[in-house]
C-alpha cells in the first residue's frame, strides 16, 4: 500500500467532511441526487466516449498502481548492480551471469541482460530496449491522460450542473418552494465536480505521473548500462556515465 496516496486521499476527504460537520447542518443538505447524476454520470459518459474500451479496462490496474508501492530499485543501488554485472562479465564472460539474470525481479532489467547473455550486439540491443520503453511510455501516458481528462470533465460537468440549476431557479422564481432545490443543484454540482476533479482524479493523475517518471528513469539507466556492457566499455566509463544520469535525475 502506498501510504502517501491513501493518506492524501483520506485526509482530503476527511477535512472536507470535518468542515461539513463543523458547519453545523450535517451531511443532509450536501446530498443531492440530480447533482450527483450530472457530475458522476456525465464524467463517466464523457470519459467512456473519449477513450477506447481497451484503455477503460485498464482503469482498475492503474488505480492499483496508484495505491501500491512501485517496486523499483533506488538508482544508486541499480547502478551498483549494473557495475557488478559488468565486472563479472569482464572477469568470467557473459555466460557467468546467466543464472543470476534469471533470478532478477525487474522484468525490464531481466530482458535487457538476457539479451546480453544471448550475445546481442549494442547496435541491436539499444533500439530493441528503446522501443520497449517507448511503448511502455505510451501505455502509461494514456492512463495518466485518462485521469487528467476525467478531472477536467468532472469540473466541466459541475459547471453544466450549475447552469442547469440556475435555469431551473430562474424559471421558478414565482414558486419559492422550487427555488431552494434548484439552487442546491446549482451549488452542489460545482462542489461535486471540484471534489471529484481534485480529490480523486487529479490526485491519481499526479501519483501515476510520479511513478511513471521513476520507472522511466530506471529503464533509461538499464538501457544505458546494458548498451555500454554490450559495447565492451570499460568498468570505469560505465560507472561514470551511469552516475552522470543519476545526477541529472536529482536536479
C-alpha atoms as a PDB file:
ATOM      1  CA  UNK A   1       0.000   0.000   0.000  1.00  0.00           C
ATOM      2  CA  UNK A   2       1.279   3.445  -0.941  1.00  0.00           C
ATOM      3  CA  UNK A   3       0.684   5.349   2.288  1.00  0.00           C
ATOM      4  CA  UNK A   4       1.026   8.793   0.684  1.00  0.00           C
ATOM      5  CA  UNK A   5      -1.741   8.078  -1.859  1.00  0.00           C
ATOM      6  CA  UNK A   6      -4.101   6.557   0.698  1.00  0.00           C
ATOM      7  CA  UNK A   7      -3.199   9.187   3.287  1.00  0.00           C
ATOM      8  CA  UNK A   8      -3.634  12.110   0.913  1.00  0.00           C
ATOM      9  CA  UNK A   9      -6.955  10.837  -0.371  1.00  0.00           C
ATOM     10  CA  UNK A  10      -8.229  10.012   3.114  1.00  0.00           C
ATOM     11  CA  UNK A  11      -7.057  13.291   4.621  1.00  0.00           C
ATOM     12  CA  UNK A  12      -8.520  15.371   1.795  1.00  0.00           C
ATOM     13  CA  UNK A  13     -11.972  13.836   2.036  1.00  0.00           C
ATOM     14  CA  UNK A  14     -11.678  13.778   5.808  1.00  0.00           C
ATOM     15  CA  UNK A  15     -11.039  17.523   6.071  1.00  0.00           C
ATOM     16  CA  UNK A  16     -13.986  18.251   3.768  1.00  0.00           C
ATOM     17  CA  UNK A  17     -16.186  16.037   5.937  1.00  0.00           C
ATOM     18  CA  UNK A  18     -14.913  17.765   9.085  1.00  0.00           C
ATOM     19  CA  UNK A  19     -15.732  21.173   7.608  1.00  0.00           C
ATOM     20  CA  UNK A  20     -19.262  19.976   6.844  1.00  0.00           C
ATOM     21  CA  UNK A  21     -19.685  18.668  10.404  1.00  0.00           C
ATOM     22  CA  UNK A  22     -18.334  21.879  11.914  1.00  0.00           C
ATOM     23  CA  UNK A  23     -20.761  23.820   9.730  1.00  0.00           C
ATOM     24  CA  UNK A  24     -23.499  22.526  11.993  1.00  0.00           C
ATOM     25  CA  UNK A  25     -26.017  21.403   9.363  1.00  0.00           C
ATOM     26  CA  UNK A  26     -24.850  17.806   8.894  1.00  0.00           C
ATOM     27  CA  UNK A  27     -24.431  15.920   5.628  1.00  0.00           C
ATOM     28  CA  UNK A  28     -28.095  16.031   4.594  1.00  0.00           C
ATOM     29  CA  UNK A  29     -28.039  19.390   2.774  1.00  0.00           C
ATOM     30  CA  UNK A  30     -24.924  18.309   0.860  1.00  0.00           C
ATOM     31  CA  UNK A  31     -26.586  15.254  -0.653  1.00  0.00           C
ATOM     32  CA  UNK A  32     -28.388  15.978  -3.909  1.00  0.00           C
ATOM     33  CA  UNK A  33     -29.226  13.190  -6.363  1.00  0.00           C
ATOM     34  CA  UNK A  34     -29.612  15.386  -9.501  1.00  0.00           C
ATOM     35  CA  UNK A  35     -26.198  16.943  -8.842  1.00  0.00           C
ATOM     36  CA  UNK A  36     -24.684  13.505  -8.339  1.00  0.00           C
ATOM     37  CA  UNK A  37     -26.201  12.225 -11.578  1.00  0.00           C
ATOM     38  CA  UNK A  38     -24.947  15.210 -13.586  1.00  0.00           C
ATOM     39  CA  UNK A  39     -21.357  15.078 -12.300  1.00  0.00           C
ATOM     40  CA  UNK A  40     -20.743  11.345 -11.856  1.00  0.00           C
ATOM     41  CA  UNK A  41     -22.907  10.181 -14.752  1.00  0.00           C
ATOM     42  CA  UNK A  42     -21.644  12.895 -17.064  1.00  0.00           C
ATOM     43  CA  UNK A  43     -17.993  12.267 -16.176  1.00  0.00           C
ATOM     44  CA  UNK A  44     -18.333   8.517 -16.767  1.00  0.00           C
ATOM     45  CA  UNK A  45     -20.161   9.050 -20.059  1.00  0.00           C
ATOM     46  CA  UNK A  46     -17.673  11.568 -21.436  1.00  0.00           C
ATOM     47  CA  UNK A  47     -14.640   9.528 -20.327  1.00  0.00           C
ATOM     48  CA  UNK A  48     -16.123   6.404 -21.929  1.00  0.00           C
ATOM     49  CA  UNK A  49     -16.630   8.358 -25.137  1.00  0.00           C
ATOM     50  CA  UNK A  50     -13.111   9.787 -25.174  1.00  0.00           C
ATOM     51  CA  UNK A  51     -11.162   6.554 -24.721  1.00  0.00           C
ATOM     52  CA  UNK A  52     -11.091   3.104 -26.280  1.00  0.00           C
ATOM     53  CA  UNK A  53     -12.617   0.142 -24.461  1.00  0.00           C
ATOM     54  CA  UNK A  54      -9.185  -1.451 -24.097  1.00  0.00           C
ATOM     55  CA  UNK A  55      -7.986   1.640 -22.236  1.00  0.00           C
ATOM     56  CA  UNK A  56     -11.061   1.774 -19.996  1.00  0.00           C
ATOM     57  CA  UNK A  57     -10.443  -1.829 -18.966  1.00  0.00           C
ATOM     58  CA  UNK A  58      -7.076  -0.769 -17.559  1.00  0.00           C
ATOM     59  CA  UNK A  59      -8.531   1.767 -15.108  1.00  0.00           C
ATOM     60  CA  UNK A  60      -8.565  -0.828 -12.327  1.00  0.00           C
ATOM     61  CA  UNK A  61      -4.936  -1.737 -12.962  1.00  0.00           C
ATOM     62  CA  UNK A  62      -3.985   1.950 -12.990  1.00  0.00           C
ATOM     63  CA  UNK A  63      -5.713   2.504  -9.636  1.00  0.00           C
ATOM     64  CA  UNK A  64      -3.841  -0.491  -8.260  1.00  0.00           C
ATOM     65  CA  UNK A  65      -0.569   1.126  -9.359  1.00  0.00           C
ATOM     66  CA  UNK A  66      -1.545   4.422  -7.728  1.00  0.00           C
ATOM     67  CA  UNK A  67      -2.418   2.757  -4.424  1.00  0.00           C
ATOM     68  CA  UNK A  68       0.550   0.370  -4.254  1.00  0.00           C
ATOM     69  CA  UNK A  69       4.260   0.985  -3.945  1.00  0.00           C
ATOM     70  CA  UNK A  70       6.144   0.743  -7.245  1.00  0.00           C
ATOM     71  CA  UNK A  71       8.866  -1.844  -6.776  1.00  0.00           C
ATOM     72  CA  UNK A  72      11.810  -0.155  -8.455  1.00  0.00           C
ATOM     73  CA  UNK A  73      15.328  -0.169  -7.093  1.00  0.00           C
ATOM     74  CA  UNK A  74      16.812   3.139  -5.972  1.00  0.00           C
ATOM     75  CA  UNK A  75      19.042   4.379  -8.786  1.00  0.00           C
ATOM     76  CA  UNK A  76      22.301   4.257  -6.764  1.00  0.00           C
ATOM     77  CA  UNK A  77      21.668   0.578  -5.969  1.00  0.00           C
ATOM     78  CA  UNK A  78      20.739  -0.142  -9.584  1.00  0.00           C
ATOM     79  CA  UNK A  79      23.951   1.466 -10.814  1.00  0.00           C
ATOM     80  CA  UNK A  80      25.973  -0.596  -8.362  1.00  0.00           C
ATOM     81  CA  UNK A  81      24.251  -3.757  -9.576  1.00  0.00           C
ATOM     82  CA  UNK A  82      24.898  -2.939 -13.239  1.00  0.00           C
ATOM     83  CA  UNK A  83      28.539  -2.228 -12.399  1.00  0.00           C
ATOM     84  CA  UNK A  84      28.714  -5.594 -10.622  1.00  0.00           C
ATOM     85  CA  UNK A  85      27.336  -7.400 -13.662  1.00  0.00           C
ATOM     86  CA  UNK A  86      29.752  -5.561 -15.935  1.00  0.00           C
ATOM     87  CA  UNK A  87      32.663  -6.588 -13.712  1.00  0.00           C
ATOM     88  CA  UNK A  88      31.539 -10.226 -13.640  1.00  0.00           C
ATOM     89  CA  UNK A  89      31.261 -10.282 -17.438  1.00  0.00           C
ATOM     90  CA  UNK A  90      34.721  -8.767 -17.819  1.00  0.00           C
ATOM     91  CA  UNK A  91      36.252 -11.320 -15.457  1.00  0.00           C
ATOM     92  CA  UNK A  92      34.366 -14.515 -16.291  1.00  0.00           C
ATOM     93  CA  UNK A  93      32.441 -13.977 -19.515  1.00  0.00           C
ATOM     94  CA  UNK A  94      28.780 -13.243 -20.201  1.00  0.00           C
ATOM     95  CA  UNK A  95      27.543 -16.793 -19.521  1.00  0.00           C
ATOM     96  CA  UNK A  96      28.700 -16.451 -15.911  1.00  0.00           C
ATOM     97  CA  UNK A  97      25.742 -14.146 -15.150  1.00  0.00           C
ATOM     98  CA  UNK A  98      23.028 -16.222 -16.857  1.00  0.00           C
ATOM     99  CA  UNK A  99      21.594 -17.864 -13.738  1.00  0.00           C
ATOM    100  CA  UNK A 100      21.666 -14.653 -11.731  1.00  0.00           C
ATOM    101  CA  UNK A 101      19.853 -12.801 -14.526  1.00  0.00           C
ATOM    102  CA  UNK A 102      17.071 -15.394 -14.475  1.00  0.00           C
ATOM    103  CA  UNK A 103      16.532 -14.628 -10.781  1.00  0.00           C
ATOM    104  CA  UNK A 104      16.035 -10.883 -11.339  1.00  0.00           C
ATOM    105  CA  UNK A 105      12.607  -9.490 -10.352  1.00  0.00           C
ATOM    106  CA  UNK A 106      12.568  -6.421 -12.598  1.00  0.00           C
ATOM    107  CA  UNK A 107      11.203  -7.616 -15.988  1.00  0.00           C
ATOM    108  CA  UNK A 108      12.902  -4.808 -17.942  1.00  0.00           C
ATOM    109  CA  UNK A 109      16.269  -5.481 -16.307  1.00  0.00           C
ATOM    110  CA  UNK A 110      15.854  -9.211 -16.832  1.00  0.00           C
ATOM    111  CA  UNK A 111      15.063  -8.794 -20.526  1.00  0.00           C
ATOM    112  CA  UNK A 112      17.930  -6.351 -21.112  1.00  0.00           C
ATOM    113  CA  UNK A 113      20.543  -8.580 -19.523  1.00  0.00           C
ATOM    114  CA  UNK A 114      19.120 -11.720 -21.090  1.00  0.00           C
ATOM    115  CA  UNK A 115      19.830 -10.052 -24.425  1.00  0.00           C
ATOM    116  CA  UNK A 116      23.427  -9.644 -23.248  1.00  0.00           C
ATOM    117  CA  UNK A 117      23.598 -13.317 -22.316  1.00  0.00           C
ATOM    118  CA  UNK A 118      22.280 -14.156 -25.793  1.00  0.00           C
ATOM    119  CA  UNK A 119      25.164 -12.219 -27.315  1.00  0.00           C
ATOM    120  CA  UNK A 120      23.122  -9.312 -28.709  1.00  0.00           C
ATOM    121  CA  UNK A 121      25.334  -6.524 -30.024  1.00  0.00           C
ATOM    122  CA  UNK A 122      24.992  -2.929 -28.812  1.00  0.00           C
ATOM    123  CA  UNK A 123      23.697  -1.644 -32.168  1.00  0.00           C
ATOM    124  CA  UNK A 124      20.808  -4.136 -31.942  1.00  0.00           C
ATOM    125  CA  UNK A 125      20.238  -4.161 -28.196  1.00  0.00           C
ATOM    126  CA  UNK A 126      19.803  -0.403 -27.755  1.00  0.00           C
ATOM    127  CA  UNK A 127      16.995   0.059 -30.336  1.00  0.00           C
ATOM    128  CA  UNK A 128      15.174  -3.001 -29.007  1.00  0.00           C
ATOM    129  CA  UNK A 129      15.140  -1.692 -25.447  1.00  0.00           C
ATOM    130  CA  UNK A 130      14.316   1.869 -26.501  1.00  0.00           C
ATOM    131  CA  UNK A 131      11.343   0.602 -28.489  1.00  0.00           C
ATOM    132  CA  UNK A 132      10.129  -1.363 -25.472  1.00  0.00           C
ATOM    133  CA  UNK A 133      10.470   1.757 -23.308  1.00  0.00           C
ATOM    134  CA  UNK A 134       8.638   3.862 -25.901  1.00  0.00           C
ATOM    135  CA  UNK A 135       5.618   1.552 -25.884  1.00  0.00           C
ATOM    136  CA  UNK A 136       5.637   1.493 -22.089  1.00  0.00           C
ATOM    137  CA  UNK A 137       5.583   5.294 -22.046  1.00  0.00           C
ATOM    138  CA  UNK A 138       2.622   5.305 -24.434  1.00  0.00           C
ATOM    139  CA  UNK A 139       0.652   2.893 -22.254  1.00  0.00           C
ATOM    140  CA  UNK A 140       1.375   4.868 -19.113  1.00  0.00           C
ATOM    141  CA  UNK A 141       0.698   8.177 -20.856  1.00  0.00           C
ATOM    142  CA  UNK A 142      -2.754   7.005 -21.916  1.00  0.00           C
ATOM    143  CA  UNK A 143      -3.783   6.222 -18.348  1.00  0.00           C
ATOM    144  CA  UNK A 144      -2.292   9.436 -16.974  1.00  0.00           C
ATOM    145  CA  UNK A 145      -4.191  11.335 -19.659  1.00  0.00           C
ATOM    146  CA  UNK A 146      -7.388   9.449 -18.863  1.00  0.00           C
ATOM    147  CA  UNK A 147      -7.386  10.575 -15.243  1.00  0.00           C
ATOM    148  CA  UNK A 148      -6.360  14.085 -16.302  1.00  0.00           C
ATOM    149  CA  UNK A 149      -9.326  14.245 -18.681  1.00  0.00           C
ATOM    150  CA  UNK A 150     -11.581  12.779 -16.001  1.00  0.00           C
ATOM    151  CA  UNK A 151     -10.623  15.578 -13.616  1.00  0.00           C
ATOM    152  CA  UNK A 152     -11.253  18.262 -16.215  1.00  0.00           C
ATOM    153  CA  UNK A 153     -14.536  16.656 -17.235  1.00  0.00           C
ATOM    154  CA  UNK A 154     -15.771  16.483 -13.636  1.00  0.00           C
ATOM    155  CA  UNK A 155     -15.134  20.210 -13.245  1.00  0.00           C
ATOM    156  CA  UNK A 156     -16.899  20.950 -16.548  1.00  0.00           C
ATOM    157  CA  UNK A 157     -19.893  18.808 -15.599  1.00  0.00           C
ATOM    158  CA  UNK A 158     -20.036  20.713 -12.331  1.00  0.00           C
ATOM    159  CA  UNK A 159     -20.344  23.959 -14.277  1.00  0.00           C
ATOM    160  CA  UNK A 160     -23.010  22.456 -16.548  1.00  0.00           C
ATOM    161  CA  UNK A 161     -24.942  21.400 -13.463  1.00  0.00           C
ATOM    162  CA  UNK A 162     -24.640  24.913 -12.088  1.00  0.00           C
ATOM    163  CA  UNK A 163     -26.176  26.300 -15.259  1.00  0.00           C
ATOM    164  CA  UNK A 164     -28.954  23.698 -15.152  1.00  0.00           C
ATOM    165  CA  UNK A 165     -29.727  24.680 -11.560  1.00  0.00           C
ATOM    166  CA  UNK A 166     -29.682  28.398 -12.334  1.00  0.00           C
ATOM    167  CA  UNK A 167     -32.030  27.996 -15.290  1.00  0.00           C
ATOM    168  CA  UNK A 168     -34.429  25.955 -13.137  1.00  0.00           C
ATOM    169  CA  UNK A 169     -34.215  28.570 -10.390  1.00  0.00           C
ATOM    170  CA  UNK A 170     -34.885  31.495 -12.698  1.00  0.00           C
ATOM    171  CA  UNK A 171     -37.763  29.648 -14.341  1.00  0.00           C
ATOM    172  CA  UNK A 172     -39.416  29.157 -10.953  1.00  0.00           C
ATOM    173  CA  UNK A 173     -38.870  32.481  -9.208  1.00  0.00           C
ATOM    174  CA  UNK A 174     -42.602  32.770  -8.694  1.00  0.00           C
ATOM    175  CA  UNK A 175     -42.570  29.496  -6.730  1.00  0.00           C
ATOM    176  CA  UNK A 176     -40.411  29.879  -3.601  1.00  0.00           C
ATOM    177  CA  UNK A 177     -40.619  26.131  -2.887  1.00  0.00           C
ATOM    178  CA  UNK A 178     -38.877  25.349  -6.191  1.00  0.00           C
ATOM    179  CA  UNK A 179     -36.065  27.888  -5.800  1.00  0.00           C
ATOM    180  CA  UNK A 180     -34.294  26.005  -2.990  1.00  0.00           C
ATOM    181  CA  UNK A 181     -33.859  22.652  -4.816  1.00  0.00           C
ATOM    182  CA  UNK A 182     -32.762  24.430  -7.989  1.00  0.00           C
ATOM    183  CA  UNK A 183     -30.183  26.456  -6.058  1.00  0.00           C
ATOM    184  CA  UNK A 184     -28.959  23.235  -4.421  1.00  0.00           C
ATOM    185  CA  UNK A 185     -28.323  21.709  -7.846  1.00  0.00           C
ATOM    186  CA  UNK A 186     -26.511  24.874  -8.938  1.00  0.00           C
ATOM    187  CA  UNK A 187     -24.178  24.911  -5.949  1.00  0.00           C
ATOM    188  CA  UNK A 188     -23.677  21.208  -5.248  1.00  0.00           C
ATOM    189  CA  UNK A 189     -22.792  20.212  -8.806  1.00  0.00           C
ATOM    190  CA  UNK A 190     -19.913  22.693  -8.687  1.00  0.00           C
ATOM    191  CA  UNK A 191     -18.844  21.250  -5.346  1.00  0.00           C
ATOM    192  CA  UNK A 192     -19.088  17.644  -6.563  1.00  0.00           C
ATOM    193  CA  UNK A 193     -17.167  18.463  -9.732  1.00  0.00           C
ATOM    194  CA  UNK A 194     -14.375  20.162  -7.780  1.00  0.00           C
ATOM    195  CA  UNK A 195     -14.139  17.289  -5.290  1.00  0.00           C
ATOM    196  CA  UNK A 196     -14.023  14.555  -7.934  1.00  0.00           C
ATOM    197  CA  UNK A 197     -11.621  16.538 -10.109  1.00  0.00           C
ATOM    198  CA  UNK A 198      -9.217  17.430  -7.288  1.00  0.00           C
ATOM    199  CA  UNK A 199      -9.573  14.827  -4.542  1.00  0.00           C
ATOM    200  CA  UNK A 200      -9.804  11.822  -6.824  1.00  0.00           C
ATOM    201  CA  UNK A 201      -8.889  12.158 -10.493  1.00  0.00           C
ATOM    202  CA  UNK A 202      -6.282  14.884 -10.007  1.00  0.00           C
ATOM    203  CA  UNK A 203      -4.600  13.036  -7.157  1.00  0.00           C
ATOM    204  CA  UNK A 204      -4.480   9.754  -9.113  1.00  0.00           C
ATOM    205  CA  UNK A 205      -3.146  11.529 -12.216  1.00  0.00           C
ATOM    206  CA  UNK A 206      -0.335  13.147 -10.239  1.00  0.00           C
ATOM    207  CA  UNK A 207       0.605   9.903  -8.481  1.00  0.00           C
ATOM    208  CA  UNK A 208       0.675   7.938 -11.759  1.00  0.00           C
ATOM    209  CA  UNK A 209       2.878  10.640 -13.327  1.00  0.00           C
ATOM    210  CA  UNK A 210       5.391  10.450 -10.481  1.00  0.00           C
ATOM    211  CA  UNK A 211       5.554   6.658 -10.576  1.00  0.00           C
ATOM    212  CA  UNK A 212       5.871   6.718 -14.350  1.00  0.00           C
ATOM    213  CA  UNK A 213       8.875   9.051 -14.103  1.00  0.00           C
ATOM    214  CA  UNK A 214      10.574   6.760 -11.578  1.00  0.00           C
ATOM    215  CA  UNK A 215      10.085   3.752 -13.834  1.00  0.00           C
ATOM    216  CA  UNK A 216      11.315   5.601 -16.917  1.00  0.00           C
ATOM    217  CA  UNK A 217      14.433   6.804 -15.078  1.00  0.00           C
ATOM    218  CA  UNK A 218      15.129   3.215 -14.014  1.00  0.00           C
ATOM    219  CA  UNK A 219      14.663   1.871 -17.546  1.00  0.00           C
ATOM    220  CA  UNK A 220      16.929   4.550 -19.028  1.00  0.00           C
ATOM    221  CA  UNK A 221      19.730   3.580 -16.629  1.00  0.00           C
ATOM    222  CA  UNK A 222      19.252  -0.079 -17.528  1.00  0.00           C
ATOM    223  CA  UNK A 223      19.348   0.673 -21.269  1.00  0.00           C
ATOM    224  CA  UNK A 224      22.477   2.774 -20.898  1.00  0.00           C
ATOM    225  CA  UNK A 225      24.225   0.213 -18.734  1.00  0.00           C
ATOM    226  CA  UNK A 226      23.332  -2.807 -20.867  1.00  0.00           C
ATOM    227  CA  UNK A 227      24.300  -0.976 -24.062  1.00  0.00           C
ATOM    228  CA  UNK A 228      27.698   0.019 -22.687  1.00  0.00           C
ATOM    229  CA  UNK A 229      28.354  -3.536 -21.486  1.00  0.00           C
ATOM    230  CA  UNK A 230      27.419  -4.855 -24.932  1.00  0.00           C
ATOM    231  CA  UNK A 231      29.811  -2.321 -26.466  1.00  0.00           C
ATOM    232  CA  UNK A 232      32.536  -3.606 -24.109  1.00  0.00           C
ATOM    233  CA  UNK A 233      33.115  -0.239 -22.466  1.00  0.00           C
ATOM    234  CA  UNK A 234      35.486  -0.098 -19.505  1.00  0.00           C
ATOM    235  CA  UNK A 235      34.073  -0.539 -15.997  1.00  0.00           C
ATOM    236  CA  UNK A 236      35.191   2.951 -15.018  1.00  0.00           C
ATOM    237  CA  UNK A 237      33.492   4.525 -18.008  1.00  0.00           C
ATOM    238  CA  UNK A 238      30.269   2.597 -17.362  1.00  0.00           C
ATOM    239  CA  UNK A 239      30.140   3.706 -13.750  1.00  0.00           C
ATOM    240  CA  UNK A 240      30.986   7.327 -14.575  1.00  0.00           C
ATOM    241  CA  UNK A 241      28.307   7.651 -17.263  1.00  0.00           C
ATOM    242  CA  UNK A 242      25.638   5.944 -15.185  1.00  0.00           C
ATOM    243  CA  UNK A 243      26.418   8.217 -12.240  1.00  0.00           C
ATOM    244  CA  UNK A 244      26.053  11.227 -14.542  1.00  0.00           C
ATOM    245  CA  UNK A 245      22.495  10.047 -15.287  1.00  0.00           C
ATOM    246  CA  UNK A 246      21.907   9.833 -11.552  1.00  0.00           C
ATOM    247  CA  UNK A 247      22.992  13.447 -11.099  1.00  0.00           C
ATOM    248  CA  UNK A 248      20.671  14.568 -13.908  1.00  0.00           C
ATOM    249  CA  UNK A 249      17.635  12.849 -12.343  1.00  0.00           C
ATOM    250  CA  UNK A 250      18.304  14.510  -8.975  1.00  0.00           C
ATOM    251  CA  UNK A 251      18.446  18.032 -10.370  1.00  0.00           C
END
